[in-house]
PDB file of N, CA and C in Angstrom:
ATOM      1  N   MET A   1      60.862 167.013  73.134  1.00  0.00           N
ATOM      2  CA  MET A   1      59.881 167.149  72.914  1.00  0.00           C
ATOM      3  C   MET A   1      58.620 167.655  72.801  1.00  0.00           C
ATOM      4  N   LYS A   2      58.438 168.293  73.730  1.00  0.00           N
ATOM      5  CA  LYS A   2      56.557 168.296  74.389  1.00  0.00           C
ATOM      6  C   LYS A   2      56.079 168.648  72.907  1.00  0.00           C
ATOM      7  N   GLN A   3      54.562 167.260  72.974  1.00  0.00           N
ATOM      8  CA  GLN A   3      53.532 167.570  72.544  1.00  0.00           C
ATOM      9  C   GLN A   3      52.597 167.737  73.177  1.00  0.00           C
ATOM     10  N   ILE A   4      51.564 168.710  72.348  1.00  0.00           N
ATOM     11  CA  ILE A   4      49.629 169.208  73.484  1.00  0.00           C
ATOM     12  C   ILE A   4      48.804 167.875  72.425  1.00  0.00           C
ATOM     13  N   PHE A   5      48.157 166.774  73.018  1.00  0.00           N
ATOM     14  CA  PHE A   5      47.058 166.435  73.097  1.00  0.00           C
ATOM     15  C   PHE A   5      46.491 166.883  73.458  1.00  0.00           C
ATOM     16  N   ILE A   6      45.330 166.798  72.694  1.00  0.00           N
ATOM     17  CA  ILE A   6      43.727 168.241  72.855  1.00  0.00           C
ATOM     18  C   ILE A   6      42.829 166.416  72.405  1.00  0.00           C
ATOM     19  N   ASN A   7      42.048 166.409  73.744  1.00  0.00           N
ATOM     20  CA  ASN A   7      40.963 165.491  73.060  1.00  0.00           C
ATOM     21  C   ASN A   7      39.611 166.339  73.398  1.00  0.00           C
ATOM     22  N   LEU A   8      39.092 165.613  72.384  1.00  0.00           N
ATOM     23  CA  LEU A   8      37.521 166.426  72.157  1.00  0.00           C
ATOM     24  C   LEU A   8      36.348 165.655  72.163  1.00  0.00           C
ATOM     25  N   PRO A   9      35.324 164.736  72.569  1.00  0.00           N
ATOM     26  CA  PRO A   9      33.716 164.355  72.784  1.00  0.00           C
ATOM     27  C   PRO A   9      33.559 164.584  71.096  1.00  0.00           C
ATOM     28  N   VAL A  10      33.122 163.965  70.968  1.00  0.00           N
ATOM     29  CA  VAL A  10      32.832 163.719  69.327  1.00  0.00           C
ATOM     30  C   VAL A  10      31.413 162.924  69.678  1.00  0.00           C
ATOM     31  N   LYS A  11      29.869 163.342  68.577  1.00  0.00           N
ATOM     32  CA  LYS A  11      29.582 162.318  68.414  1.00  0.00           C
ATOM     33  C   LYS A  11      29.613 160.880  67.340  1.00  0.00           C
ATOM     34  N   ASP A  12      30.153 160.848  66.721  1.00  0.00           N
ATOM     35  CA  ASP A  12      30.744 159.787  65.546  1.00  0.00           C
ATOM     36  C   ASP A  12      32.324 160.692  64.892  1.00  0.00           C
ATOM     37  N   VAL A  13      32.623 159.132  64.966  1.00  0.00           N
ATOM     38  CA  VAL A  13      34.021 159.582  65.539  1.00  0.00           C
ATOM     39  C   VAL A  13      35.064 159.055  63.419  1.00  0.00           C
ATOM     40  N   GLU A  14      33.954 158.738  63.082  1.00  0.00           N
ATOM     41  CA  GLU A  14      35.046 158.310  61.747  1.00  0.00           C
ATOM     42  C   GLU A  14      34.184 159.819  60.624  1.00  0.00           C
ATOM     43  N   ALA A  15      33.472 160.507  60.856  1.00  0.00           N
ATOM     44  CA  ALA A  15      32.267 161.471  60.094  1.00  0.00           C
ATOM     45  C   ALA A  15      33.832 162.709  61.212  1.00  0.00           C
ATOM     46  N   SER A  16      34.022 162.303  61.862  1.00  0.00           N
ATOM     47  CA  SER A  16      34.973 163.702  62.617  1.00  0.00           C
ATOM     48  C   SER A  16      36.474 163.313  62.205  1.00  0.00           C
ATOM     49  N   MET A  17      37.208 162.703  62.004  1.00  0.00           N
ATOM     50  CA  MET A  17      38.327 162.414  61.246  1.00  0.00           C
ATOM     51  C   MET A  17      38.490 162.080  60.420  1.00  0.00           C
ATOM     52  N   GLU A  18      37.123 161.786  59.026  1.00  0.00           N
ATOM     53  CA  GLU A  18      36.852 162.890  57.516  1.00  0.00           C
ATOM     54  C   GLU A  18      37.605 164.189  57.779  1.00  0.00           C
ATOM     55  N   PHE A  19      36.460 164.615  58.795  1.00  0.00           N
ATOM     56  CA  PHE A  19      36.153 166.433  58.779  1.00  0.00           C
ATOM     57  C   PHE A  19      37.371 166.609  58.926  1.00  0.00           C
ATOM     58  N   TYR A  20      38.383 166.975  59.188  1.00  0.00           N
ATOM     59  CA  TYR A  20      39.289 166.781  59.798  1.00  0.00           C
ATOM     60  C   TYR A  20      40.605 167.033  59.538  1.00  0.00           C
ATOM     61  N   LYS A  21      40.559 166.161  58.215  1.00  0.00           N
ATOM     62  CA  LYS A  21      40.916 165.685  57.489  1.00  0.00           C
ATOM     63  C   LYS A  21      40.779 165.920  55.528  1.00  0.00           C
ATOM     64  N   GLN A  22      40.177 167.211  56.042  1.00  0.00           N
ATOM     65  CA  GLN A  22      39.827 167.918  55.070  1.00  0.00           C
ATOM     66  C   GLN A  22      40.218 169.391  55.001  1.00  0.00           C
ATOM     67  N   LEU A  23      40.272 168.747  56.741  1.00  0.00           N
ATOM     68  CA  LEU A  23      41.010 170.597  56.539  1.00  0.00           C
ATOM     69  C   LEU A  23      42.694 171.157  56.224  1.00  0.00           C
ATOM     70  N   GLY A  24      42.823 169.112  57.310  1.00  0.00           N
ATOM     71  CA  GLY A  24      44.415 169.092  56.339  1.00  0.00           C
ATOM     72  C   GLY A  24      44.846 168.352  58.117  1.00  0.00           C
ATOM     73  N   PHE A  25      44.805 168.131  58.446  1.00  0.00           N
ATOM     74  CA  PHE A  25      45.095 166.989  59.832  1.00  0.00           C
ATOM     75  C   PHE A  25      44.749 165.540  59.003  1.00  0.00           C
ATOM     76  N   ALA A  26      45.824 165.021  59.711  1.00  0.00           N
ATOM     77  CA  ALA A  26      46.734 163.058  58.808  1.00  0.00           C
ATOM     78  C   ALA A  26      45.985 162.910  60.082  1.00  0.00           C
ATOM     79  N   VAL A  27      46.095 161.455  59.930  1.00  0.00           N
ATOM     80  CA  VAL A  27      45.819 160.267  60.897  1.00  0.00           C
ATOM     81  C   VAL A  27      47.016 159.899  61.615  1.00  0.00           C
ATOM     82  N   ASN A  28      46.859 160.131  62.172  1.00  0.00           N
ATOM     83  CA  ASN A  28      48.078 159.207  63.360  1.00  0.00           C
ATOM     84  C   ASN A  28      48.118 157.524  63.649  1.00  0.00           C
ATOM     85  N   PRO A  29      48.011 156.435  63.225  1.00  0.00           N
ATOM     86  CA  PRO A  29      47.764 155.498  63.669  1.00  0.00           C
ATOM     87  C   PRO A  29      48.203 154.521  64.698  1.00  0.00           C
ATOM     88  N   LEU A  30      49.214 155.257  65.126  1.00  0.00           N
ATOM     89  CA  LEU A  30      49.545 154.982  66.949  1.00  0.00           C
ATOM     90  C   LEU A  30      49.037 155.270  67.801  1.00  0.00           C
ATOM     91  N   PHE A  31      48.314 155.989  67.960  1.00  0.00           N
ATOM     92  CA  PHE A  31      46.189 156.730  69.031  1.00  0.00           C
ATOM     93  C   PHE A  31      45.799 156.526  68.472  1.00  0.00           C
ATOM     94  N   THR A  32      45.523 155.664  66.975  1.00  0.00           N
ATOM     95  CA  THR A  32      44.006 155.375  67.433  1.00  0.00           C
ATOM     96  C   THR A  32      43.033 154.168  67.360  1.00  0.00           C
ATOM     97  N   PHE A  33      42.001 154.174  67.600  1.00  0.00           N
ATOM     98  CA  PHE A  33      41.300 153.076  67.860  1.00  0.00           C
ATOM     99  C   PHE A  33      40.106 153.091  67.939  1.00  0.00           C
ATOM    100  N   ASP A  34      38.272 152.381  68.210  1.00  0.00           N
ATOM    101  CA  ASP A  34      37.412 152.170  67.670  1.00  0.00           C
ATOM    102  C   ASP A  34      36.985 153.315  67.903  1.00  0.00           C
ATOM    103  N   ASP A  35      36.956 153.670  69.876  1.00  0.00           N
ATOM    104  CA  ASP A  35      36.593 155.335  70.401  1.00  0.00           C
ATOM    105  C   ASP A  35      37.468 156.229  69.751  1.00  0.00           C
ATOM    106  N   GLN A  36      38.748 156.099  69.343  1.00  0.00           N
ATOM    107  CA  GLN A  36      38.904 157.273  69.055  1.00  0.00           C
ATOM    108  C   GLN A  36      40.379 157.527  68.226  1.00  0.00           C
ATOM    109  N   LYS A  37      40.359 158.313  67.707  1.00  0.00           N
ATOM    110  CA  LYS A  37      41.087 158.752  66.845  1.00  0.00           C
ATOM    111  C   LYS A  37      41.778 160.174  66.451  1.00  0.00           C
ATOM    112  N   CYS A  38      42.915 159.885  65.900  1.00  0.00           N
ATOM    113  CA  CYS A  38      44.324 160.404  66.377  1.00  0.00           C
ATOM    114  C   CYS A  38      44.800 161.430  65.357  1.00  0.00           C
ATOM    115  N   MET A  39      43.745 163.137  65.390  1.00  0.00           N
ATOM    116  CA  MET A  39      44.419 163.564  64.072  1.00  0.00           C
ATOM    117  C   MET A  39      46.450 164.539  64.409  1.00  0.00           C
ATOM    118  N   VAL A  40      46.885 164.483  63.643  1.00  0.00           N
ATOM    119  CA  VAL A  40      47.482 165.456  63.215  1.00  0.00           C
ATOM    120  C   VAL A  40      48.118 166.801  63.074  1.00  0.00           C
ATOM    121  N   TRP A  41      47.857 167.431  63.711  1.00  0.00           N
ATOM    122  CA  TRP A  41      48.672 168.731  62.504  1.00  0.00           C
ATOM    123  C   TRP A  41      50.151 169.246  62.407  1.00  0.00           C
ATOM    124  N   GLY A  42      50.416 168.591  63.221  1.00  0.00           N
ATOM    125  CA  GLY A  42      52.538 169.137  63.371  1.00  0.00           C
ATOM    126  C   GLY A  42      53.264 168.155  64.217  1.00  0.00           C
ATOM    127  N   ASP A  43      54.843 167.781  64.392  1.00  0.00           N
ATOM    128  CA  ASP A  43      54.757 167.006  65.608  1.00  0.00           C
ATOM    129  C   ASP A  43      54.877 167.094  66.801  1.00  0.00           C
ATOM    130  N   GLN A  44      54.185 167.965  67.218  1.00  0.00           N
ATOM    131  CA  GLN A  44      53.321 168.050  68.705  1.00  0.00           C
ATOM    132  C   GLN A  44      51.704 168.688  69.270  1.00  0.00           C
ATOM    133  N   ILE A  45      51.328 168.944  67.661  1.00  0.00           N
ATOM    134  CA  ILE A  45      50.158 168.680  68.684  1.00  0.00           C
ATOM    135  C   ILE A  45      48.873 167.953  67.618  1.00  0.00           C
ATOM    136  N   TYR A  46      48.210 166.992  68.580  1.00  0.00           N
ATOM    137  CA  TYR A  46      47.690 166.442  68.195  1.00  0.00           C
ATOM    138  C   TYR A  46      46.220 166.611  68.887  1.00  0.00           C
ATOM    139  N   VAL A  47      45.393 166.746  67.764  1.00  0.00           N
ATOM    140  CA  VAL A  47      43.272 166.223  68.158  1.00  0.00           C
ATOM    141  C   VAL A  47      43.190 165.149  68.248  1.00  0.00           C
ATOM    142  N   MET A  48      42.294 164.385  69.277  1.00  0.00           N
ATOM    143  CA  MET A  48      42.667 163.480  69.532  1.00  0.00           C
ATOM    144  C   MET A  48      40.053 162.394  69.504  1.00  0.00           C
ATOM    145  N   LEU A  49      39.736 162.809  68.553  1.00  0.00           N
ATOM    146  CA  LEU A  49      38.551 162.901  68.283  1.00  0.00           C
ATOM    147  C   LEU A  49      37.923 160.971  69.673  1.00  0.00           C
ATOM    148  N   GLN A  50      37.382 161.660  70.316  1.00  0.00           N
ATOM    149  CA  GLN A  50      36.992 160.431  70.745  1.00  0.00           C
ATOM    150  C   GLN A  50      35.164 160.779  71.838  1.00  0.00           C
ATOM    151  N   THR A  51      35.612 158.820  70.651  1.00  0.00           N
ATOM    152  CA  THR A  51      33.321 158.649  71.752  1.00  0.00           C
ATOM    153  C   THR A  51      33.459 160.085  72.677  1.00  0.00           C
ATOM    154  N   LEU A  52      32.224 159.688  72.991  1.00  0.00           N
ATOM    155  CA  LEU A  52      31.873 160.906  73.828  1.00  0.00           C
ATOM    156  C   LEU A  52      31.167 159.440  75.856  1.00  0.00           C
ATOM    157  N   GLU A  53      31.084 157.953  74.958  1.00  0.00           N
ATOM    158  CA  GLU A  53      31.538 157.266  76.000  1.00  0.00           C
ATOM    159  C   GLU A  53      33.188 157.442  76.160  1.00  0.00           C
ATOM    160  N   MET A  54      33.335 157.064  75.263  1.00  0.00           N
ATOM    161  CA  MET A  54      35.462 157.387  76.383  1.00  0.00           C
ATOM    162  C   MET A  54      35.675 159.132  77.040  1.00  0.00           C
ATOM    163  N   PHE A  55      35.367 159.895  75.867  1.00  0.00           N
ATOM    164  CA  PHE A  55      35.667 161.076  76.918  1.00  0.00           C
ATOM    165  C   PHE A  55      34.435 161.405  78.134  1.00  0.00           C
ATOM    166  N   LYS A  56      33.989 160.680  78.062  1.00  0.00           N
ATOM    167  CA  LYS A  56      33.467 160.614  79.225  1.00  0.00           C
ATOM    168  C   LYS A  56      34.186 159.856  80.630  1.00  0.00           C
ATOM    169  N   SER A  57      34.223 158.893  80.050  1.00  0.00           N
ATOM    170  CA  SER A  57      35.367 158.402  80.633  1.00  0.00           C
ATOM    171  C   SER A  57      36.070 158.400  82.023  1.00  0.00           C
ATOM    172  N   GLY A  58      36.551 159.381  81.715  1.00  0.00           N
ATOM    173  CA  GLY A  58      38.501 160.251  81.444  1.00  0.00           C
ATOM    174  C   GLY A  58      37.126 161.825  82.959  1.00  0.00           C
ATOM    175  N   ASN A  59      36.356 161.782  82.466  1.00  0.00           N
ATOM    176  CA  ASN A  59      35.816 163.369  82.651  1.00  0.00           C
ATOM    177  C   ASN A  59      34.206 162.755  83.645  1.00  0.00           C
ATOM    178  N   VAL A  60      34.380 163.525  85.419  1.00  0.00           N
ATOM    179  CA  VAL A  60      32.797 163.396  85.882  1.00  0.00           C
ATOM    180  C   VAL A  60      31.872 164.084  85.506  1.00  0.00           C
ATOM    181  N   LYS A  61      32.370 165.712  84.944  1.00  0.00           N
ATOM    182  CA  LYS A  61      30.562 166.058  84.609  1.00  0.00           C
ATOM    183  C   LYS A  61      30.824 166.801  83.443  1.00  0.00           C
ATOM    184  N   ASN A  62      29.477 166.654  82.986  1.00  0.00           N
ATOM    185  CA  ASN A  62      28.740 166.733  81.715  1.00  0.00           C
ATOM    186  C   ASN A  62      29.560 167.804  80.824  1.00  0.00           C
ATOM    187  N   ILE A  63      29.213 166.785  79.745  1.00  0.00           N
ATOM    188  CA  ILE A  63      29.922 168.116  77.981  1.00  0.00           C
ATOM    189  C   ILE A  63      28.926 169.046  77.747  1.00  0.00           C
ATOM    190  N   PRO A  64      29.468 169.766  77.716  1.00  0.00           N
ATOM    191  CA  PRO A  64      28.077 171.049  77.182  1.00  0.00           C
ATOM    192  C   PRO A  64      27.474 170.586  75.354  1.00  0.00           C
ATOM    193  N   ASP A  65      26.598 171.862  75.296  1.00  0.00           N
ATOM    194  CA  ASP A  65      26.359 171.240  73.552  1.00  0.00           C
ATOM    195  C   ASP A  65      27.009 172.021  73.667  1.00  0.00           C
ATOM    196  N   PRO A  66      27.770 171.553  71.651  1.00  0.00           N
ATOM    197  CA  PRO A  66      28.551 173.182  71.424  1.00  0.00           C
ATOM    198  C   PRO A  66      27.947 174.071  70.358  1.00  0.00           C
ATOM    199  N   LYS A  67      26.414 173.460  70.222  1.00  0.00           N
ATOM    200  CA  LYS A  67      25.737 173.805  69.262  1.00  0.00           C
ATOM    201  C   LYS A  67      24.986 175.155  70.415  1.00  0.00           C
ATOM    202  N   GLU A  68      25.416 175.356  71.629  1.00  0.00           N
ATOM    203  CA  GLU A  68      24.880 175.973  72.417  1.00  0.00           C
ATOM    204  C   GLU A  68      25.684 176.741  73.104  1.00  0.00           C
ATOM    205  N   ASN A  69      27.278 175.825  73.323  1.00  0.00           N
ATOM    206  CA  ASN A  69      27.648 176.883  74.714  1.00  0.00           C
ATOM    207  C   ASN A  69      29.213 176.778  73.921  1.00  0.00           C
ATOM    208  N   VAL A  70      30.719 177.606  74.471  1.00  0.00           N
ATOM    209  CA  VAL A  70      31.702 177.841  74.151  1.00  0.00           C
ATOM    210  C   VAL A  70      32.511 176.734  74.409  1.00  0.00           C
ATOM    211  N   LEU A  71      32.974 175.574  74.270  1.00  0.00           N
ATOM    212  CA  LEU A  71      34.533 174.649  74.908  1.00  0.00           C
ATOM    213  C   LEU A  71      35.414 175.278  75.201  1.00  0.00           C
ATOM    214  N   ALA A  72      36.176 175.165  74.000  1.00  0.00           N
ATOM    215  CA  ALA A  72      37.283 176.091  74.087  1.00  0.00           C
ATOM    216  C   ALA A  72      37.310 176.621  72.402  1.00  0.00           C
ATOM    217  N   THR A  73      38.799 177.485  72.370  1.00  0.00           N
ATOM    218  CA  THR A  73      38.725 178.223  71.420  1.00  0.00           C
ATOM    219  C   THR A  73      40.960 177.713  71.311  1.00  0.00           C
ATOM    220  N   TYR A  74      40.646 177.220  69.377  1.00  0.00           N
ATOM    221  CA  TYR A  74      42.482 176.331  69.331  1.00  0.00           C
ATOM    222  C   TYR A  74      42.728 177.922  68.409  1.00  0.00           C
ATOM    223  N   THR A  75      43.776 177.825  68.483  1.00  0.00           N
ATOM    224  CA  THR A  75      44.741 177.942  67.415  1.00  0.00           C
ATOM    225  C   THR A  75      45.810 177.345  66.823  1.00  0.00           C
ATOM    226  N   LEU A  76      46.079 177.243  64.991  1.00  0.00           N
ATOM    227  CA  LEU A  76      46.483 176.838  65.277  1.00  0.00           C
ATOM    228  C   LEU A  76      47.675 177.843  64.013  1.00  0.00           C
ATOM    229  N   PRO A  77      49.380 176.858  64.071  1.00  0.00           N
ATOM    230  CA  PRO A  77      49.607 177.965  63.569  1.00  0.00           C
ATOM    231  C   PRO A  77      49.858 177.380  61.424  1.00  0.00           C
ATOM    232  N   VAL A  78      49.809 178.846  60.103  1.00  0.00           N
ATOM    233  CA  VAL A  78      50.171 178.224  58.953  1.00  0.00           C
ATOM    234  C   VAL A  78      49.961 178.978  58.561  1.00  0.00           C
ATOM    235  N   GLU A  79      51.283 179.169  56.850  1.00  0.00           N
ATOM    236  CA  GLU A  79      52.093 179.920  56.442  1.00  0.00           C
ATOM    237  C   GLU A  79      52.095 180.682  55.879  1.00  0.00           C
ATOM    238  N   SER A  80      50.431 180.971  55.536  1.00  0.00           N
ATOM    239  CA  SER A  80      50.013 182.857  55.176  1.00  0.00           C
ATOM    240  C   SER A  80      48.214 182.737  55.612  1.00  0.00           C
ATOM    241  N   LEU A  81      48.273 183.180  55.202  1.00  0.00           N
ATOM    242  CA  LEU A  81      46.482 184.343  55.046  1.00  0.00           C
ATOM    243  C   LEU A  81      45.566 183.130  53.540  1.00  0.00           C
ATOM    244  N   ASP A  82      46.311 182.426  53.218  1.00  0.00           N
ATOM    245  CA  ASP A  82      45.726 181.650  51.826  1.00  0.00           C
ATOM    246  C   ASP A  82      45.955 180.345  52.709  1.00  0.00           C
ATOM    247  N   LYS A  83      46.602 179.950  53.167  1.00  0.00           N
ATOM    248  CA  LYS A  83      46.394 178.125  54.070  1.00  0.00           C
ATOM    249  C   LYS A  83      45.310 179.236  54.504  1.00  0.00           C
ATOM    250  N   VAL A  84      44.614 179.409  55.011  1.00  0.00           N
ATOM    251  CA  VAL A  84      43.763 180.264  56.456  1.00  0.00           C
ATOM    252  C   VAL A  84      42.708 179.769  55.779  1.00  0.00           C
ATOM    253  N   ASN A  85      42.909 180.751  54.296  1.00  0.00           N
ATOM    254  CA  ASN A  85      41.596 180.863  53.829  1.00  0.00           C
ATOM    255  C   ASN A  85      40.469 179.599  53.292  1.00  0.00           C
ATOM    256  N   GLU A  86      42.269 178.936  53.092  1.00  0.00           N
ATOM    257  CA  GLU A  86      41.279 177.383  52.041  1.00  0.00           C
ATOM    258  C   GLU A  86      41.818 176.062  52.923  1.00  0.00           C
ATOM    259  N   ILE A  87      42.191 176.824  54.751  1.00  0.00           N
ATOM    260  CA  ILE A  87      41.391 175.347  55.353  1.00  0.00           C
ATOM    261  C   ILE A  87      39.398 175.740  55.667  1.00  0.00           C
ATOM    262  N   ILE A  88      39.691 177.023  56.395  1.00  0.00           N
ATOM    263  CA  ILE A  88      37.966 177.735  55.845  1.00  0.00           C
ATOM    264  C   ILE A  88      37.123 177.540  55.115  1.00  0.00           C
ATOM    265  N   THR A  89      37.352 176.963  54.259  1.00  0.00           N
ATOM    266  CA  THR A  89      36.862 176.398  53.279  1.00  0.00           C
ATOM    267  C   THR A  89      36.702 175.262  52.940  1.00  0.00           C
ATOM    268  N   ASN A  90      37.606 174.940  53.204  1.00  0.00           N
ATOM    269  CA  ASN A  90      36.984 173.340  53.462  1.00  0.00           C
ATOM    270  C   ASN A  90      36.375 172.337  54.454  1.00  0.00           C
ATOM    271  N   GLY A  91      36.853 173.460  55.743  1.00  0.00           N
ATOM    272  CA  GLY A  91      36.042 173.502  56.682  1.00  0.00           C
ATOM    273  C   GLY A  91      34.003 173.261  56.541  1.00  0.00           C
ATOM    274  N   LEU A  92      34.106 174.909  55.672  1.00  0.00           N
ATOM    275  CA  LEU A  92      32.945 174.858  55.554  1.00  0.00           C
ATOM    276  C   LEU A  92      31.939 173.668  54.295  1.00  0.00           C
ATOM    277  N   ASN A  93      33.217 173.286  53.404  1.00  0.00           N
ATOM    278  CA  ASN A  93      31.902 172.342  52.723  1.00  0.00           C
ATOM    279  C   ASN A  93      31.829 171.404  53.446  1.00  0.00           C
ATOM    280  N   ALA A  94      33.120 170.491  54.375  1.00  0.00           N
ATOM    281  CA  ALA A  94      33.103 169.408  54.812  1.00  0.00           C
ATOM    282  C   ALA A  94      31.642 169.438  56.036  1.00  0.00           C
ATOM    283  N   GLY A  95      31.500 170.480  56.543  1.00  0.00           N
ATOM    284  CA  GLY A  95      30.771 170.532  58.075  1.00  0.00           C
ATOM    285  C   GLY A  95      29.786 170.857  57.213  1.00  0.00           C
ATOM    286  N   GLU A  96      29.589 171.455  55.695  1.00  0.00           N
ATOM    287  CA  GLU A  96      27.915 171.192  55.313  1.00  0.00           C
ATOM    288  C   GLU A  96      27.788 170.249  54.160  1.00  0.00           C
ATOM    289  N   ARG A  97      28.459 168.922  54.295  1.00  0.00           N
ATOM    290  CA  ARG A  97      28.892 167.832  53.419  1.00  0.00           C
ATOM    291  C   ARG A  97      28.223 166.476  55.066  1.00  0.00           C
ATOM    292  N   ASN A  98      28.596 167.303  56.662  1.00  0.00           N
ATOM    293  CA  ASN A  98      27.893 166.432  57.673  1.00  0.00           C
ATOM    294  C   ASN A  98      27.184 167.206  58.354  1.00  0.00           C
ATOM    295  N   ARG A  99      26.332 167.576  57.971  1.00  0.00           N
ATOM    296  CA  ARG A  99      24.925 168.500  58.574  1.00  0.00           C
ATOM    297  C   ARG A  99      24.489 167.441  59.198  1.00  0.00           C
ATOM    298  N   HIS A 100      23.914 166.802  59.109  1.00  0.00           N
ATOM    299  CA  HIS A 100      23.368 166.163  59.263  1.00  0.00           C
ATOM    300  C   HIS A 100      23.679 165.174  60.674  1.00  0.00           C
ATOM    301  N   LEU A 101      25.126 165.079  60.683  1.00  0.00           N
ATOM    302  CA  LEU A 101      25.291 164.183  62.361  1.00  0.00           C
ATOM    303  C   LEU A 101      24.576 164.608  63.186  1.00  0.00           C
TER     304      LEU A 101
END
């Protein structure tokens, strides 16, 4: 079975993990450490939330500011438009709670 691991640099892995949990992701403890949290969307899609230091250790280029630059876009499959709306609402609510980060 093929899998995809998407590595994302984040300022606060704990807060980011909570945000992704609100979107419906689950934590995979096998790949979760202090400097990285593995969030699972399905059997084949993993988002690796990495501290800036960990992410930089494997990259020589500067990390663009996500408030100023588009880094990438991802499409994750869901079963219905209602589920899309639920995820968006949860994301907006979770983002508002973490606005100070």
